[in-house]
Amino acid sequence: MNNVWVDLLARWGHGLFGITWIGMLYYFNFVQGEYFKEAAKDALPDVKAKLATRALWWFRWGAMLTFITGVVLLGVLGASLNGWILLGALLGTFMFLNVWLIIWPKQQVVLGLKSGDVVASAGKAGLASRTNVLFSAPMLFCMLASKHGAAVPEGMAVVSAGMSNGLMAALALAVLLELNAIFGKMGPMASVKGVIHMSLLLTIAMVALVVYL
């Protein structure tokens, strides 16, 4: 199979699995999490046992397959890797790691699938999940700009020729926000409106850094 077909199938799979993953991410943050705050206590055990566990299966494996197809795409692109792809790939990788190393292990404790501190685990899982929502809008922008970025050509420079100051600043910002996901606090991401607004602001900030710095 030549690279054209590998590229096409990888892009198709990356989009399909990504829709599954991010759709479930938004469901957890915008729908299920808010329902849990208002639900009757006697309803929660059944929801956690029969609904949340199923949703988490689609969530984590959607993340895994999105990541795998993304790695394939990076291999196909090779030397043509540009700044938008690099920034989007870093955000996506952090999101993938948050799912498998923080959210899923901590949710297993919350759902009673393994022992541990339920309150602390819920807090850790919630912060990582909110951070993934935070990253989702700039990550999607980078995906689109990497292929259709004529309007923002600064980020289209091939990385092998050297990274701009703006790109390095955007990458550093992503690392700092990921460190907050591991060690920090919710801050303005605590509410649904807050995390949506912060995600849009982060998109603007990262684009401004790449294009203007």
N, C-alpha and C. Protein backbone atom coordinates (compact mmCIF):
# COMPACT_ATOMS: atom_id res chain seq x y z
N MET A 1 0.85 -1.20 0.00
CA MET A 1 0.00 0.00 0.00
C MET A 1 0.89 1.25 0.00
N ASN A 2 0.67 2.15 -0.97
CA ASN A 2 1.53 3.33 -1.04
C ASN A 2 1.13 4.36 0.00
N ASN A 3 1.99 5.39 0.13
CA ASN A 3 1.79 6.38 1.18
C ASN A 3 0.51 7.18 1.03
N VAL A 4 0.02 7.32 -0.22
CA VAL A 4 -1.21 8.08 -0.42
C VAL A 4 -2.38 7.39 0.29
N TRP A 5 -2.46 6.07 0.13
CA TRP A 5 -3.55 5.33 0.79
C TRP A 5 -3.35 5.26 2.29
N VAL A 6 -2.12 5.09 2.74
CA VAL A 6 -1.85 5.08 4.18
C VAL A 6 -2.25 6.41 4.79
N ASP A 7 -1.89 7.50 4.12
CA ASP A 7 -2.23 8.84 4.60
C ASP A 7 -3.75 9.03 4.65
N LEU A 8 -4.44 8.61 3.59
CA LEU A 8 -5.90 8.78 3.54
C LEU A 8 -6.59 7.96 4.62
N LEU A 9 -6.22 6.69 4.75
CA LEU A 9 -6.87 5.82 5.73
C LEU A 9 -6.54 6.26 7.16
N ALA A 10 -5.31 6.71 7.37
CA ALA A 10 -4.93 7.18 8.70
C ALA A 10 -5.70 8.45 9.07
N ARG A 11 -5.87 9.35 8.10
CA ARG A 11 -6.63 10.58 8.36
C ARG A 11 -8.10 10.25 8.64
N TRP A 12 -8.64 9.33 7.86
CA TRP A 12 -10.03 8.92 8.07
C TRP A 12 -10.21 8.30 9.45
N GLY A 13 -9.34 7.37 9.80
CA GLY A 13 -9.42 6.74 11.11
C GLY A 13 -9.17 7.72 12.24
N HIS A 14 -8.22 8.62 12.04
CA HIS A 14 -7.90 9.61 13.06
C HIS A 14 -9.11 10.50 13.34
N GLY A 15 -9.79 10.90 12.27
CA GLY A 15 -11.00 11.72 12.44
C GLY A 15 -12.13 10.96 13.08
N LEU A 16 -12.35 9.71 12.63
CA LEU A 16 -13.45 8.89 13.14
C LEU A 16 -13.25 8.58 14.63
N PHE A 17 -12.07 8.11 14.98
CA PHE A 17 -11.81 7.78 16.38
C PHE A 17 -11.75 9.05 17.24
N GLY A 18 -11.25 10.14 16.65
CA GLY A 18 -11.20 11.40 17.39
C GLY A 18 -12.58 11.92 17.73
N ILE A 19 -13.53 11.78 16.79
CA ILE A 19 -14.91 12.19 17.06
C ILE A 19 -15.47 11.39 18.23
N THR A 20 -15.20 10.09 18.24
CA THR A 20 -15.67 9.23 19.34
C THR A 20 -15.07 9.68 20.66
N TRP A 21 -13.78 9.89 20.67
CA TRP A 21 -13.07 10.27 21.90
C TRP A 21 -13.54 11.62 22.43
N ILE A 22 -13.47 12.65 21.59
CA ILE A 22 -13.79 13.99 22.05
C ILE A 22 -15.29 14.13 22.34
N GLY A 23 -16.11 13.40 21.58
CA GLY A 23 -17.54 13.39 21.87
C GLY A 23 -17.82 12.87 23.27
N MET A 24 -17.14 11.78 23.63
CA MET A 24 -17.30 11.24 24.98
C MET A 24 -16.72 12.18 26.03
N LEU A 25 -15.61 12.85 25.72
CA LEU A 25 -15.02 13.82 26.63
C LEU A 25 -16.01 14.94 26.95
N TYR A 26 -16.66 15.46 25.91
CA TYR A 26 -17.64 16.53 26.13
C TYR A 26 -18.86 16.00 26.87
N TYR A 27 -19.25 14.77 26.58
CA TYR A 27 -20.38 14.17 27.30
C TYR A 27 -20.08 14.11 28.79
N PHE A 28 -18.91 13.62 29.15
CA PHE A 28 -18.56 13.51 30.56
C PHE A 28 -18.55 14.88 31.25
N ASN A 29 -17.97 15.87 30.58
CA ASN A 29 -17.79 17.18 31.21
C ASN A 29 -19.03 18.06 31.18
N PHE A 30 -19.80 17.96 30.10
CA PHE A 30 -20.92 18.87 29.93
C PHE A 30 -22.26 18.26 30.34
N VAL A 31 -22.36 16.93 30.34
CA VAL A 31 -23.64 16.26 30.60
C VAL A 31 -23.58 15.39 31.86
N GLN A 32 -22.76 14.34 31.82
CA GLN A 32 -22.78 13.37 32.93
C GLN A 32 -22.32 14.00 34.24
N GLY A 33 -21.24 14.78 34.19
CA GLY A 33 -20.74 15.39 35.41
C GLY A 33 -21.75 16.31 36.07
N GLU A 34 -22.46 17.07 35.24
CA GLU A 34 -23.48 17.97 35.78
C GLU A 34 -24.68 17.19 36.32
N TYR A 35 -25.01 16.08 35.65
CA TYR A 35 -26.10 15.21 36.14
C TYR A 35 -25.75 14.62 37.51
N PHE A 36 -24.52 14.17 37.67
CA PHE A 36 -24.11 13.57 38.93
C PHE A 36 -24.29 14.54 40.10
N LYS A 37 -24.14 15.84 39.83
CA LYS A 37 -24.29 16.84 40.90
C LYS A 37 -25.74 16.96 41.36
N GLU A 38 -26.68 16.62 40.49
CA GLU A 38 -28.10 16.84 40.78
C GLU A 38 -28.89 15.55 40.99
N ALA A 39 -28.31 14.41 40.64
CA ALA A 39 -29.04 13.15 40.67
C ALA A 39 -29.36 12.71 42.10
N ALA A 40 -30.45 11.98 42.22
CA ALA A 40 -30.80 11.38 43.51
C ALA A 40 -29.76 10.34 43.88
N LYS A 41 -29.43 10.27 45.18
CA LYS A 41 -28.37 9.36 45.62
C LYS A 41 -28.65 7.91 45.28
N ASP A 42 -29.94 7.52 45.30
CA ASP A 42 -30.24 6.12 45.01
C ASP A 42 -30.12 5.79 43.53
N ALA A 43 -30.01 6.81 42.66
CA ALA A 43 -29.87 6.58 41.22
C ALA A 43 -28.41 6.41 40.80
N LEU A 44 -27.50 6.98 41.57
CA LEU A 44 -26.10 7.00 41.17
C LEU A 44 -25.44 5.63 41.07
N PRO A 45 -25.66 4.70 42.01
CA PRO A 45 -24.99 3.40 41.88
C PRO A 45 -25.30 2.69 40.57
N ASP A 46 -26.55 2.73 40.14
CA ASP A 46 -26.92 2.06 38.90
C ASP A 46 -26.30 2.76 37.69
N VAL A 47 -26.30 4.10 37.71
CA VAL A 47 -25.71 4.87 36.61
C VAL A 47 -24.21 4.60 36.51
N LYS A 48 -23.54 4.58 37.65
CA LYS A 48 -22.10 4.33 37.66
C LYS A 48 -21.77 2.92 37.17
N ALA A 49 -22.57 1.96 37.59
CA ALA A 49 -22.29 0.57 37.24
C ALA A 49 -22.60 0.26 35.77
N LYS A 50 -23.67 0.82 35.25
CA LYS A 50 -24.13 0.41 33.92
C LYS A 50 -23.89 1.42 32.81
N LEU A 51 -23.85 2.71 33.16
CA LEU A 51 -23.67 3.74 32.14
C LEU A 51 -22.23 4.24 32.10
N ALA A 52 -21.72 4.69 33.22
CA ALA A 52 -20.39 5.31 33.25
C ALA A 52 -19.30 4.35 32.79
N THR A 53 -19.39 3.09 33.19
CA THR A 53 -18.36 2.12 32.80
C THR A 53 -18.36 1.89 31.28
N ARG A 54 -19.56 1.82 30.69
CA ARG A 54 -19.64 1.67 29.23
C ARG A 54 -19.08 2.91 28.52
N ALA A 55 -19.47 4.07 29.01
CA ALA A 55 -18.99 5.32 28.40
C ALA A 55 -17.48 5.43 28.49
N LEU A 56 -16.90 5.03 29.61
CA LEU A 56 -15.45 5.10 29.78
C LEU A 56 -14.73 4.13 28.86
N TRP A 57 -15.36 3.01 28.52
CA TRP A 57 -14.74 2.07 27.57
C TRP A 57 -14.58 2.75 26.21
N TRP A 58 -15.65 3.34 25.71
CA TRP A 58 -15.59 4.03 24.42
C TRP A 58 -14.62 5.21 24.49
N PHE A 59 -14.61 5.88 25.61
CA PHE A 59 -13.76 7.05 25.81
C PHE A 59 -12.28 6.68 25.72
N ARG A 60 -11.87 5.69 26.50
CA ARG A 60 -10.43 5.40 26.55
C ARG A 60 -9.93 4.71 25.28
N TRP A 61 -10.77 3.85 24.67
CA TRP A 61 -10.30 3.20 23.45
C TRP A 61 -10.41 4.11 22.25
N GLY A 62 -11.33 5.06 22.27
CA GLY A 62 -11.34 6.11 21.26
C GLY A 62 -10.05 6.91 21.31
N ALA A 63 -9.60 7.22 22.54
CA ALA A 63 -8.34 7.93 22.73
C ALA A 63 -7.16 7.11 22.22
N MET A 64 -7.14 5.83 22.53
CA MET A 64 -6.04 4.97 22.10
C MET A 64 -5.93 4.90 20.58
N LEU A 65 -7.04 4.69 19.90
CA LEU A 65 -7.01 4.55 18.45
C LEU A 65 -6.75 5.89 17.76
N THR A 66 -7.22 6.98 18.37
CA THR A 66 -6.88 8.30 17.84
C THR A 66 -5.38 8.53 17.92
N PHE A 67 -4.79 8.15 19.03
CA PHE A 67 -3.35 8.32 19.21
C PHE A 67 -2.57 7.46 18.23
N ILE A 68 -2.97 6.21 18.07
CA ILE A 68 -2.25 5.30 17.17
C ILE A 68 -2.30 5.80 15.73
N THR A 69 -3.49 6.20 15.26
CA THR A 69 -3.59 6.71 13.90
C THR A 69 -2.83 8.03 13.75
N GLY A 70 -2.75 8.81 14.81
CA GLY A 70 -1.96 10.03 14.78
C GLY A 70 -0.47 9.74 14.63
N VAL A 71 0.01 8.72 15.31
CA VAL A 71 1.41 8.31 15.17
C VAL A 71 1.70 7.86 13.74
N VAL A 72 0.76 7.11 13.15
CA VAL A 72 0.91 6.69 11.76
C VAL A 72 1.01 7.90 10.84
N LEU A 73 0.14 8.89 11.08
CA LEU A 73 0.18 10.11 10.26
C LEU A 73 1.51 10.84 10.40
N LEU A 74 2.03 10.92 11.60
CA LEU A 74 3.33 11.57 11.79
C LEU A 74 4.42 10.84 11.03
N GLY A 75 4.33 9.51 10.99
CA GLY A 75 5.30 8.73 10.23
C GLY A 75 5.21 8.98 8.74
N VAL A 76 3.99 9.14 8.24
CA VAL A 76 3.79 9.43 6.82
C VAL A 76 4.32 10.81 6.48
N LEU A 77 4.08 11.78 7.36
CA LEU A 77 4.49 13.15 7.09
C LEU A 77 6.01 13.31 7.13
N GLY A 78 6.64 12.63 8.10
CA GLY A 78 8.09 12.63 8.17
C GLY A 78 8.70 14.01 8.19
N ALA A 79 9.53 14.28 7.19
CA ALA A 79 10.31 15.52 7.13
C ALA A 79 9.45 16.75 6.89
N SER A 80 8.19 16.56 6.50
CA SER A 80 7.32 17.72 6.21
C SER A 80 6.57 18.21 7.45
N LEU A 81 6.94 17.71 8.61
CA LEU A 81 6.30 18.11 9.86
C LEU A 81 6.41 19.63 10.05
N ASN A 82 5.25 20.29 10.26
CA ASN A 82 5.28 21.74 10.49
C ASN A 82 4.88 22.09 11.91
N GLY A 83 4.95 23.39 12.21
CA GLY A 83 4.72 23.84 13.57
C GLY A 83 3.33 23.54 14.10
N TRP A 84 2.31 23.70 13.25
CA TRP A 84 0.94 23.41 13.69
C TRP A 84 0.79 21.94 14.05
N ILE A 85 1.37 21.07 13.24
CA ILE A 85 1.28 19.63 13.52
C ILE A 85 1.98 19.32 14.84
N LEU A 86 3.15 19.90 15.04
CA LEU A 86 3.91 19.63 16.27
C LEU A 86 3.13 20.08 17.49
N LEU A 87 2.57 21.28 17.46
CA LEU A 87 1.81 21.78 18.61
C LEU A 87 0.55 20.95 18.83
N GLY A 88 -0.18 20.65 17.76
CA GLY A 88 -1.38 19.83 17.89
C GLY A 88 -1.07 18.44 18.40
N ALA A 89 0.05 17.87 17.91
CA ALA A 89 0.44 16.52 18.34
C ALA A 89 0.81 16.50 19.82
N LEU A 90 1.48 17.56 20.29
CA LEU A 90 1.82 17.62 21.71
C LEU A 90 0.57 17.70 22.57
N LEU A 91 -0.38 18.56 22.18
CA LEU A 91 -1.63 18.68 22.92
C LEU A 91 -2.38 17.34 22.92
N GLY A 92 -2.46 16.70 21.75
CA GLY A 92 -3.16 15.43 21.65
C GLY A 92 -2.49 14.34 22.47
N THR A 93 -1.15 14.35 22.49
CA THR A 93 -0.42 13.35 23.29
C THR A 93 -0.67 13.55 24.77
N PHE A 94 -0.65 14.80 25.23
CA PHE A 94 -0.97 15.08 26.64
C PHE A 94 -2.39 14.60 26.96
N MET A 95 -3.32 14.84 26.06
CA MET A 95 -4.70 14.43 26.28
C MET A 95 -4.80 12.90 26.38
N PHE A 96 -4.10 12.21 25.50
CA PHE A 96 -4.08 10.74 25.51
C PHE A 96 -3.50 10.22 26.83
N LEU A 97 -2.38 10.80 27.24
CA LEU A 97 -1.74 10.36 28.49
C LEU A 97 -2.63 10.66 29.69
N ASN A 98 -3.32 11.78 29.66
CA ASN A 98 -4.25 12.10 30.75
C ASN A 98 -5.34 11.04 30.87
N VAL A 99 -5.83 10.57 29.74
CA VAL A 99 -6.88 9.54 29.75
C VAL A 99 -6.38 8.27 30.40
N TRP A 100 -5.24 7.78 29.92
CA TRP A 100 -4.79 6.45 30.33
C TRP A 100 -4.02 6.43 31.65
N LEU A 101 -3.37 7.53 32.00
CA LEU A 101 -2.54 7.53 33.20
C LEU A 101 -3.20 8.23 34.39
N ILE A 102 -4.22 9.06 34.14
CA ILE A 102 -4.88 9.76 35.24
C ILE A 102 -6.38 9.46 35.28
N ILE A 103 -7.09 9.81 34.22
CA ILE A 103 -8.55 9.75 34.26
C ILE A 103 -9.06 8.32 34.47
N TRP A 104 -8.63 7.39 33.65
CA TRP A 104 -9.13 6.02 33.78
C TRP A 104 -8.73 5.38 35.10
N PRO A 105 -7.46 5.42 35.53
CA PRO A 105 -7.12 4.84 36.84
C PRO A 105 -7.90 5.46 37.99
N LYS A 106 -8.06 6.78 37.99
CA LYS A 106 -8.77 7.44 39.08
C LYS A 106 -10.27 7.16 39.02
N GLN A 107 -10.82 7.07 37.81
CA GLN A 107 -12.24 6.75 37.69
C GLN A 107 -12.55 5.33 38.14
N GLN A 108 -11.59 4.45 38.02
CA GLN A 108 -11.80 3.09 38.54
C GLN A 108 -12.02 3.12 40.05
N VAL A 109 -11.32 4.01 40.73
CA VAL A 109 -11.51 4.16 42.18
C VAL A 109 -12.88 4.78 42.46
N VAL A 110 -13.22 5.84 41.71
CA VAL A 110 -14.50 6.52 41.90
C VAL A 110 -15.67 5.57 41.68
N LEU A 111 -15.56 4.70 40.69
CA LEU A 111 -16.65 3.77 40.36
C LEU A 111 -16.63 2.50 41.21
N GLY A 112 -15.67 2.38 42.10
CA GLY A 112 -15.61 1.22 42.98
C GLY A 112 -15.01 -0.01 42.34
N LEU A 113 -14.31 0.16 41.22
CA LEU A 113 -13.70 -0.98 40.54
C LEU A 113 -12.38 -1.37 41.17
N LYS A 114 -11.79 -0.45 41.94
CA LYS A 114 -10.61 -0.77 42.74
C LYS A 114 -10.58 0.16 43.94
N SER A 115 -9.81 -0.20 44.93
CA SER A 115 -9.81 0.55 46.18
C SER A 115 -8.95 1.81 46.07
N GLY A 116 -9.25 2.78 46.93
CA GLY A 116 -8.49 4.01 46.97
C GLY A 116 -9.31 5.14 47.57
N ASP A 117 -8.73 6.32 47.60
CA ASP A 117 -9.39 7.51 48.13
C ASP A 117 -10.32 8.07 47.07
N VAL A 118 -11.62 7.89 47.26
CA VAL A 118 -12.60 8.27 46.25
C VAL A 118 -12.60 9.78 46.01
N VAL A 119 -12.58 10.57 47.08
CA VAL A 119 -12.65 12.03 46.93
C VAL A 119 -11.42 12.56 46.20
N ALA A 120 -10.24 12.12 46.60
CA ALA A 120 -9.00 12.57 45.96
C ALA A 120 -8.94 12.11 44.51
N SER A 121 -9.38 10.89 44.27
CA SER A 121 -9.36 10.35 42.90
C SER A 121 -10.31 11.11 41.99
N ALA A 122 -11.49 11.46 42.52
CA ALA A 122 -12.45 12.23 41.73
C ALA A 122 -11.88 13.60 41.36
N GLY A 123 -11.18 14.22 42.31
CA GLY A 123 -10.56 15.52 42.04
C GLY A 123 -9.49 15.45 40.97
N LYS A 124 -8.63 14.41 41.06
CA LYS A 124 -7.56 14.24 40.07
C LYS A 124 -8.13 13.94 38.69
N ALA A 125 -9.10 13.05 38.64
CA ALA A 125 -9.72 12.70 37.35
C ALA A 125 -10.42 13.92 36.75
N GLY A 126 -11.11 14.68 37.60
CA GLY A 126 -11.83 15.85 37.13
C GLY A 126 -10.91 16.92 36.56
N LEU A 127 -9.79 17.16 37.22
CA LEU A 127 -8.84 18.16 36.74
C LEU A 127 -8.22 17.74 35.41
N ALA A 128 -7.86 16.48 35.29
CA ALA A 128 -7.28 15.99 34.04
C ALA A 128 -8.30 16.05 32.91
N SER A 129 -9.55 15.72 33.23
CA SER A 129 -10.61 15.75 32.23
C SER A 129 -10.89 17.17 31.78
N ARG A 130 -10.94 18.10 32.72
CA ARG A 130 -11.14 19.51 32.38
C ARG A 130 -9.98 20.03 31.53
N THR A 131 -8.77 19.59 31.84
CA THR A 131 -7.61 20.01 31.06
C THR A 131 -7.71 19.50 29.63
N ASN A 132 -8.22 18.29 29.46
CA ASN A 132 -8.42 17.78 28.10
C ASN A 132 -9.43 18.62 27.33
N VAL A 133 -10.49 19.07 28.00
CA VAL A 133 -11.42 19.98 27.35
C VAL A 133 -10.71 21.28 26.99
N LEU A 134 -9.90 21.78 27.90
CA LEU A 134 -9.11 23.00 27.66
C LEU A 134 -8.26 22.86 26.40
N PHE A 135 -7.62 21.72 26.24
CA PHE A 135 -6.72 21.49 25.11
C PHE A 135 -7.47 21.22 23.80
N SER A 136 -8.73 20.82 23.88
CA SER A 136 -9.41 20.30 22.70
C SER A 136 -9.57 21.33 21.58
N ALA A 137 -9.93 22.57 21.91
CA ALA A 137 -10.14 23.58 20.86
C ALA A 137 -8.83 23.97 20.16
N PRO A 138 -7.75 24.28 20.89
CA PRO A 138 -6.50 24.58 20.18
C PRO A 138 -5.95 23.37 19.43
N MET A 139 -6.14 22.18 19.95
CA MET A 139 -5.68 20.99 19.26
C MET A 139 -6.37 20.84 17.91
N LEU A 140 -7.69 21.05 17.89
CA LEU A 140 -8.44 20.96 16.64
C LEU A 140 -8.01 22.05 15.67
N PHE A 141 -7.80 23.27 16.18
CA PHE A 141 -7.33 24.35 15.31
C PHE A 141 -6.02 23.96 14.64
N CYS A 142 -5.10 23.40 15.42
CA CYS A 142 -3.80 22.99 14.87
C CYS A 142 -3.96 21.91 13.81
N MET A 143 -4.85 20.97 14.03
CA MET A 143 -5.10 19.93 13.03
C MET A 143 -5.54 20.53 11.70
N LEU A 144 -6.44 21.49 11.76
CA LEU A 144 -6.95 22.12 10.55
C LEU A 144 -5.90 23.02 9.91
N ALA A 145 -5.20 23.79 10.75
CA ALA A 145 -4.20 24.71 10.23
C ALA A 145 -3.03 23.98 9.59
N SER A 146 -2.72 22.77 10.06
CA SER A 146 -1.59 22.03 9.52
C SER A 146 -1.79 21.65 8.07
N LYS A 147 -3.04 21.51 7.66
CA LYS A 147 -3.36 21.11 6.29
C LYS A 147 -3.93 22.25 5.47
N HIS A 148 -4.61 23.19 6.14
CA HIS A 148 -5.31 24.27 5.45
C HIS A 148 -4.90 25.62 6.04
N GLY A 149 -3.62 25.80 6.30
CA GLY A 149 -3.17 26.96 7.05
C GLY A 149 -2.66 28.12 6.22
N ALA A 150 -3.17 28.29 5.00
CA ALA A 150 -2.68 29.39 4.16
C ALA A 150 -2.87 30.74 4.82
N ALA A 151 -3.92 30.86 5.65
CA ALA A 151 -4.20 32.14 6.31
C ALA A 151 -3.25 32.40 7.47
N VAL A 152 -2.57 31.36 7.96
CA VAL A 152 -1.65 31.50 9.08
C VAL A 152 -0.32 30.82 8.70
N PRO A 153 0.37 31.33 7.69
CA PRO A 153 1.53 30.63 7.13
C PRO A 153 2.72 30.50 8.09
N GLU A 154 2.79 31.36 9.09
CA GLU A 154 3.94 31.29 9.99
C GLU A 154 4.08 29.91 10.63
N GLY A 155 2.97 29.28 10.96
CA GLY A 155 3.03 27.97 11.59
C GLY A 155 3.29 26.83 10.63
N MET A 156 3.29 27.16 9.32
CA MET A 156 3.48 26.11 8.31
C MET A 156 4.94 25.82 8.04
N ALA A 157 5.85 26.56 8.66
CA ALA A 157 7.27 26.34 8.44
C ALA A 157 7.66 24.93 8.88
N VAL A 158 8.49 24.27 8.07
CA VAL A 158 8.92 22.91 8.38
C VAL A 158 9.80 22.93 9.63
N VAL A 159 9.49 22.07 10.60
CA VAL A 159 10.17 22.10 11.90
C VAL A 159 11.65 21.78 11.77
N SER A 160 12.03 20.93 10.80
CA SER A 160 13.43 20.55 10.64
C SER A 160 14.32 21.75 10.33
N ALA A 161 13.70 22.84 9.84
CA ALA A 161 14.46 24.06 9.54
C ALA A 161 14.66 24.92 10.79
N GLY A 162 14.06 24.53 11.90
CA GLY A 162 14.17 25.29 13.14
C GLY A 162 12.82 25.79 13.63
N MET A 163 12.65 25.86 14.94
CA MET A 163 11.39 26.30 15.52
C MET A 163 11.45 27.78 15.83
N SER A 164 10.34 28.48 15.58
CA SER A 164 10.27 29.91 15.87
C SER A 164 10.11 30.12 17.38
N ASN A 165 10.39 31.35 17.81
CA ASN A 165 10.21 31.69 19.22
C ASN A 165 8.75 31.52 19.64
N GLY A 166 7.84 31.90 18.73
CA GLY A 166 6.42 31.78 19.05
C GLY A 166 5.99 30.35 19.23
N LEU A 167 6.47 29.45 18.36
CA LEU A 167 6.13 28.04 18.49
C LEU A 167 6.68 27.48 19.79
N MET A 168 7.91 27.81 20.11
CA MET A 168 8.50 27.32 21.37
C MET A 168 7.72 27.84 22.58
N ALA A 169 7.25 29.08 22.50
CA ALA A 169 6.46 29.64 23.61
C ALA A 169 5.13 28.91 23.74
N ALA A 170 4.49 28.60 22.62
CA ALA A 170 3.22 27.87 22.65
C ALA A 170 3.41 26.46 23.20
N LEU A 171 4.51 25.82 22.80
CA LEU A 171 4.81 24.47 23.33
C LEU A 171 5.07 24.53 24.83
N ALA A 172 5.79 25.56 25.28
CA ALA A 172 6.07 25.71 26.71
C ALA A 172 4.79 25.96 27.49
N LEU A 173 3.87 26.74 26.92
CA LEU A 173 2.58 26.98 27.57
C LEU A 173 1.81 25.68 27.73
N ALA A 174 1.83 24.84 26.70
CA ALA A 174 1.16 23.54 26.77
C ALA A 174 1.74 22.69 27.89
N VAL A 175 3.06 22.70 28.03
CA VAL A 175 3.72 21.91 29.09
C VAL A 175 3.32 22.43 30.47
N LEU A 176 3.29 23.74 30.64
CA LEU A 176 2.91 24.32 31.93
C LEU A 176 1.47 23.95 32.30
N LEU A 177 0.58 23.99 31.32
CA LEU A 177 -0.82 23.64 31.60
C LEU A 177 -0.97 22.16 31.91
N GLU A 178 -0.14 21.33 31.29
CA GLU A 178 -0.19 19.90 31.61
C GLU A 178 0.34 19.65 33.02
N LEU A 179 1.37 20.38 33.42
CA LEU A 179 1.85 20.26 34.80
C LEU A 179 0.76 20.65 35.79
N ASN A 180 -0.03 21.65 35.43
CA ASN A 180 -1.17 22.02 36.28
C ASN A 180 -2.18 20.89 36.35
N ALA A 181 -2.37 20.17 35.25
CA ALA A 181 -3.29 19.03 35.24
C ALA A 181 -2.86 17.95 36.22
N ILE A 182 -1.56 17.84 36.43
CA ILE A 182 -1.02 16.79 37.31
C ILE A 182 -0.94 17.27 38.75
N PHE A 183 -0.50 18.51 38.93
CA PHE A 183 -0.18 18.99 40.28
C PHE A 183 -1.01 20.18 40.75
N GLY A 184 -1.79 20.78 39.85
CA GLY A 184 -2.41 22.06 40.17
C GLY A 184 -3.87 22.02 40.58
N LYS A 185 -4.60 23.06 40.16
CA LYS A 185 -5.99 23.23 40.57
C LYS A 185 -6.87 23.54 39.37
N MET A 186 -8.17 23.41 39.56
CA MET A 186 -9.16 23.68 38.52
C MET A 186 -9.16 25.15 38.09
N GLY A 187 -9.17 26.04 39.07
CA GLY A 187 -9.27 27.46 38.75
C GLY A 187 -10.56 27.74 37.97
N PRO A 188 -10.47 28.55 36.92
CA PRO A 188 -11.68 28.91 36.16
C PRO A 188 -12.26 27.75 35.36
N MET A 189 -11.58 26.62 35.31
CA MET A 189 -12.10 25.45 34.58
C MET A 189 -13.16 24.69 35.37
N ALA A 190 -13.42 25.09 36.59
CA ALA A 190 -14.33 24.35 37.45
C ALA A 190 -15.75 24.29 36.89
N SER A 191 -16.19 25.34 36.21
CA SER A 191 -17.53 25.36 35.64
C SER A 191 -17.47 25.01 34.16
N VAL A 192 -18.59 24.56 33.62
CA VAL A 192 -18.66 24.24 32.19
C VAL A 192 -18.39 25.48 31.36
N LYS A 193 -19.06 26.59 31.69
CA LYS A 193 -18.82 27.82 30.94
C LYS A 193 -17.36 28.25 31.05
N GLY A 194 -16.80 28.09 32.24
CA GLY A 194 -15.42 28.50 32.46
C GLY A 194 -14.45 27.75 31.59
N VAL A 195 -14.58 26.43 31.51
CA VAL A 195 -13.62 25.64 30.73
C VAL A 195 -13.81 25.87 29.24
N ILE A 196 -15.04 26.10 28.79
CA ILE A 196 -15.27 26.42 27.38
C ILE A 196 -14.61 27.75 27.03
N HIS A 197 -14.83 28.76 27.86
CA HIS A 197 -14.22 30.06 27.61
C HIS A 197 -12.69 29.98 27.64
N MET A 198 -12.15 29.23 28.59
CA MET A 198 -10.70 29.11 28.70
C MET A 198 -10.11 28.37 27.50
N SER A 199 -10.83 27.38 26.98
CA SER A 199 -10.36 26.65 25.80
C SER A 199 -10.29 27.56 24.59
N LEU A 200 -11.31 28.40 24.42
CA LEU A 200 -11.31 29.34 23.30
C LEU A 200 -10.21 30.39 23.46
N LEU A 201 -10.02 30.87 24.69
CA LEU A 201 -8.96 31.84 24.95
C LEU A 201 -7.58 31.23 24.73
N LEU A 202 -7.42 29.96 25.11
CA LEU A 202 -6.14 29.29 24.90
C LEU A 202 -5.85 29.15 23.40
N THR A 203 -6.88 28.88 22.63
CA THR A 203 -6.71 28.80 21.18
C THR A 203 -6.19 30.11 20.63
N ILE A 204 -6.84 31.20 21.04
CA ILE A 204 -6.42 32.53 20.59
C ILE A 204 -4.99 32.81 21.02
N ALA A 205 -4.67 32.48 22.26
CA ALA A 205 -3.33 32.77 22.79
C ALA A 205 -2.25 31.99 22.03
N MET A 206 -2.50 30.71 21.78
CA MET A 206 -1.50 29.89 21.09
C MET A 206 -1.32 30.32 19.64
N VAL A 207 -2.42 30.64 18.98
CA VAL A 207 -2.32 31.12 17.60
C VAL A 207 -1.55 32.44 17.56
N ALA A 208 -1.85 33.33 18.51
CA ALA A 208 -1.16 34.61 18.55
C ALA A 208 0.34 34.43 18.78
N LEU A 209 0.70 33.51 19.66
CA LEU A 209 2.10 33.25 19.92
C LEU A 209 2.82 32.75 18.66
N VAL A 210 2.22 31.77 18.00
CA VAL A 210 2.84 31.18 16.81
C VAL A 210 2.95 32.19 15.68
N VAL A 211 1.90 32.97 15.49
CA VAL A 211 1.85 33.87 14.33
C VAL A 211 2.61 35.17 14.55
N TYR A 212 2.54 35.73 15.77
CA TYR A 212 3.04 37.09 15.98
C TYR A 212 4.32 37.21 16.78
N LEU A 213 4.69 36.17 17.57
CA LEU A 213 5.88 36.30 18.41
C LEU A 213 7.16 36.04 17.60
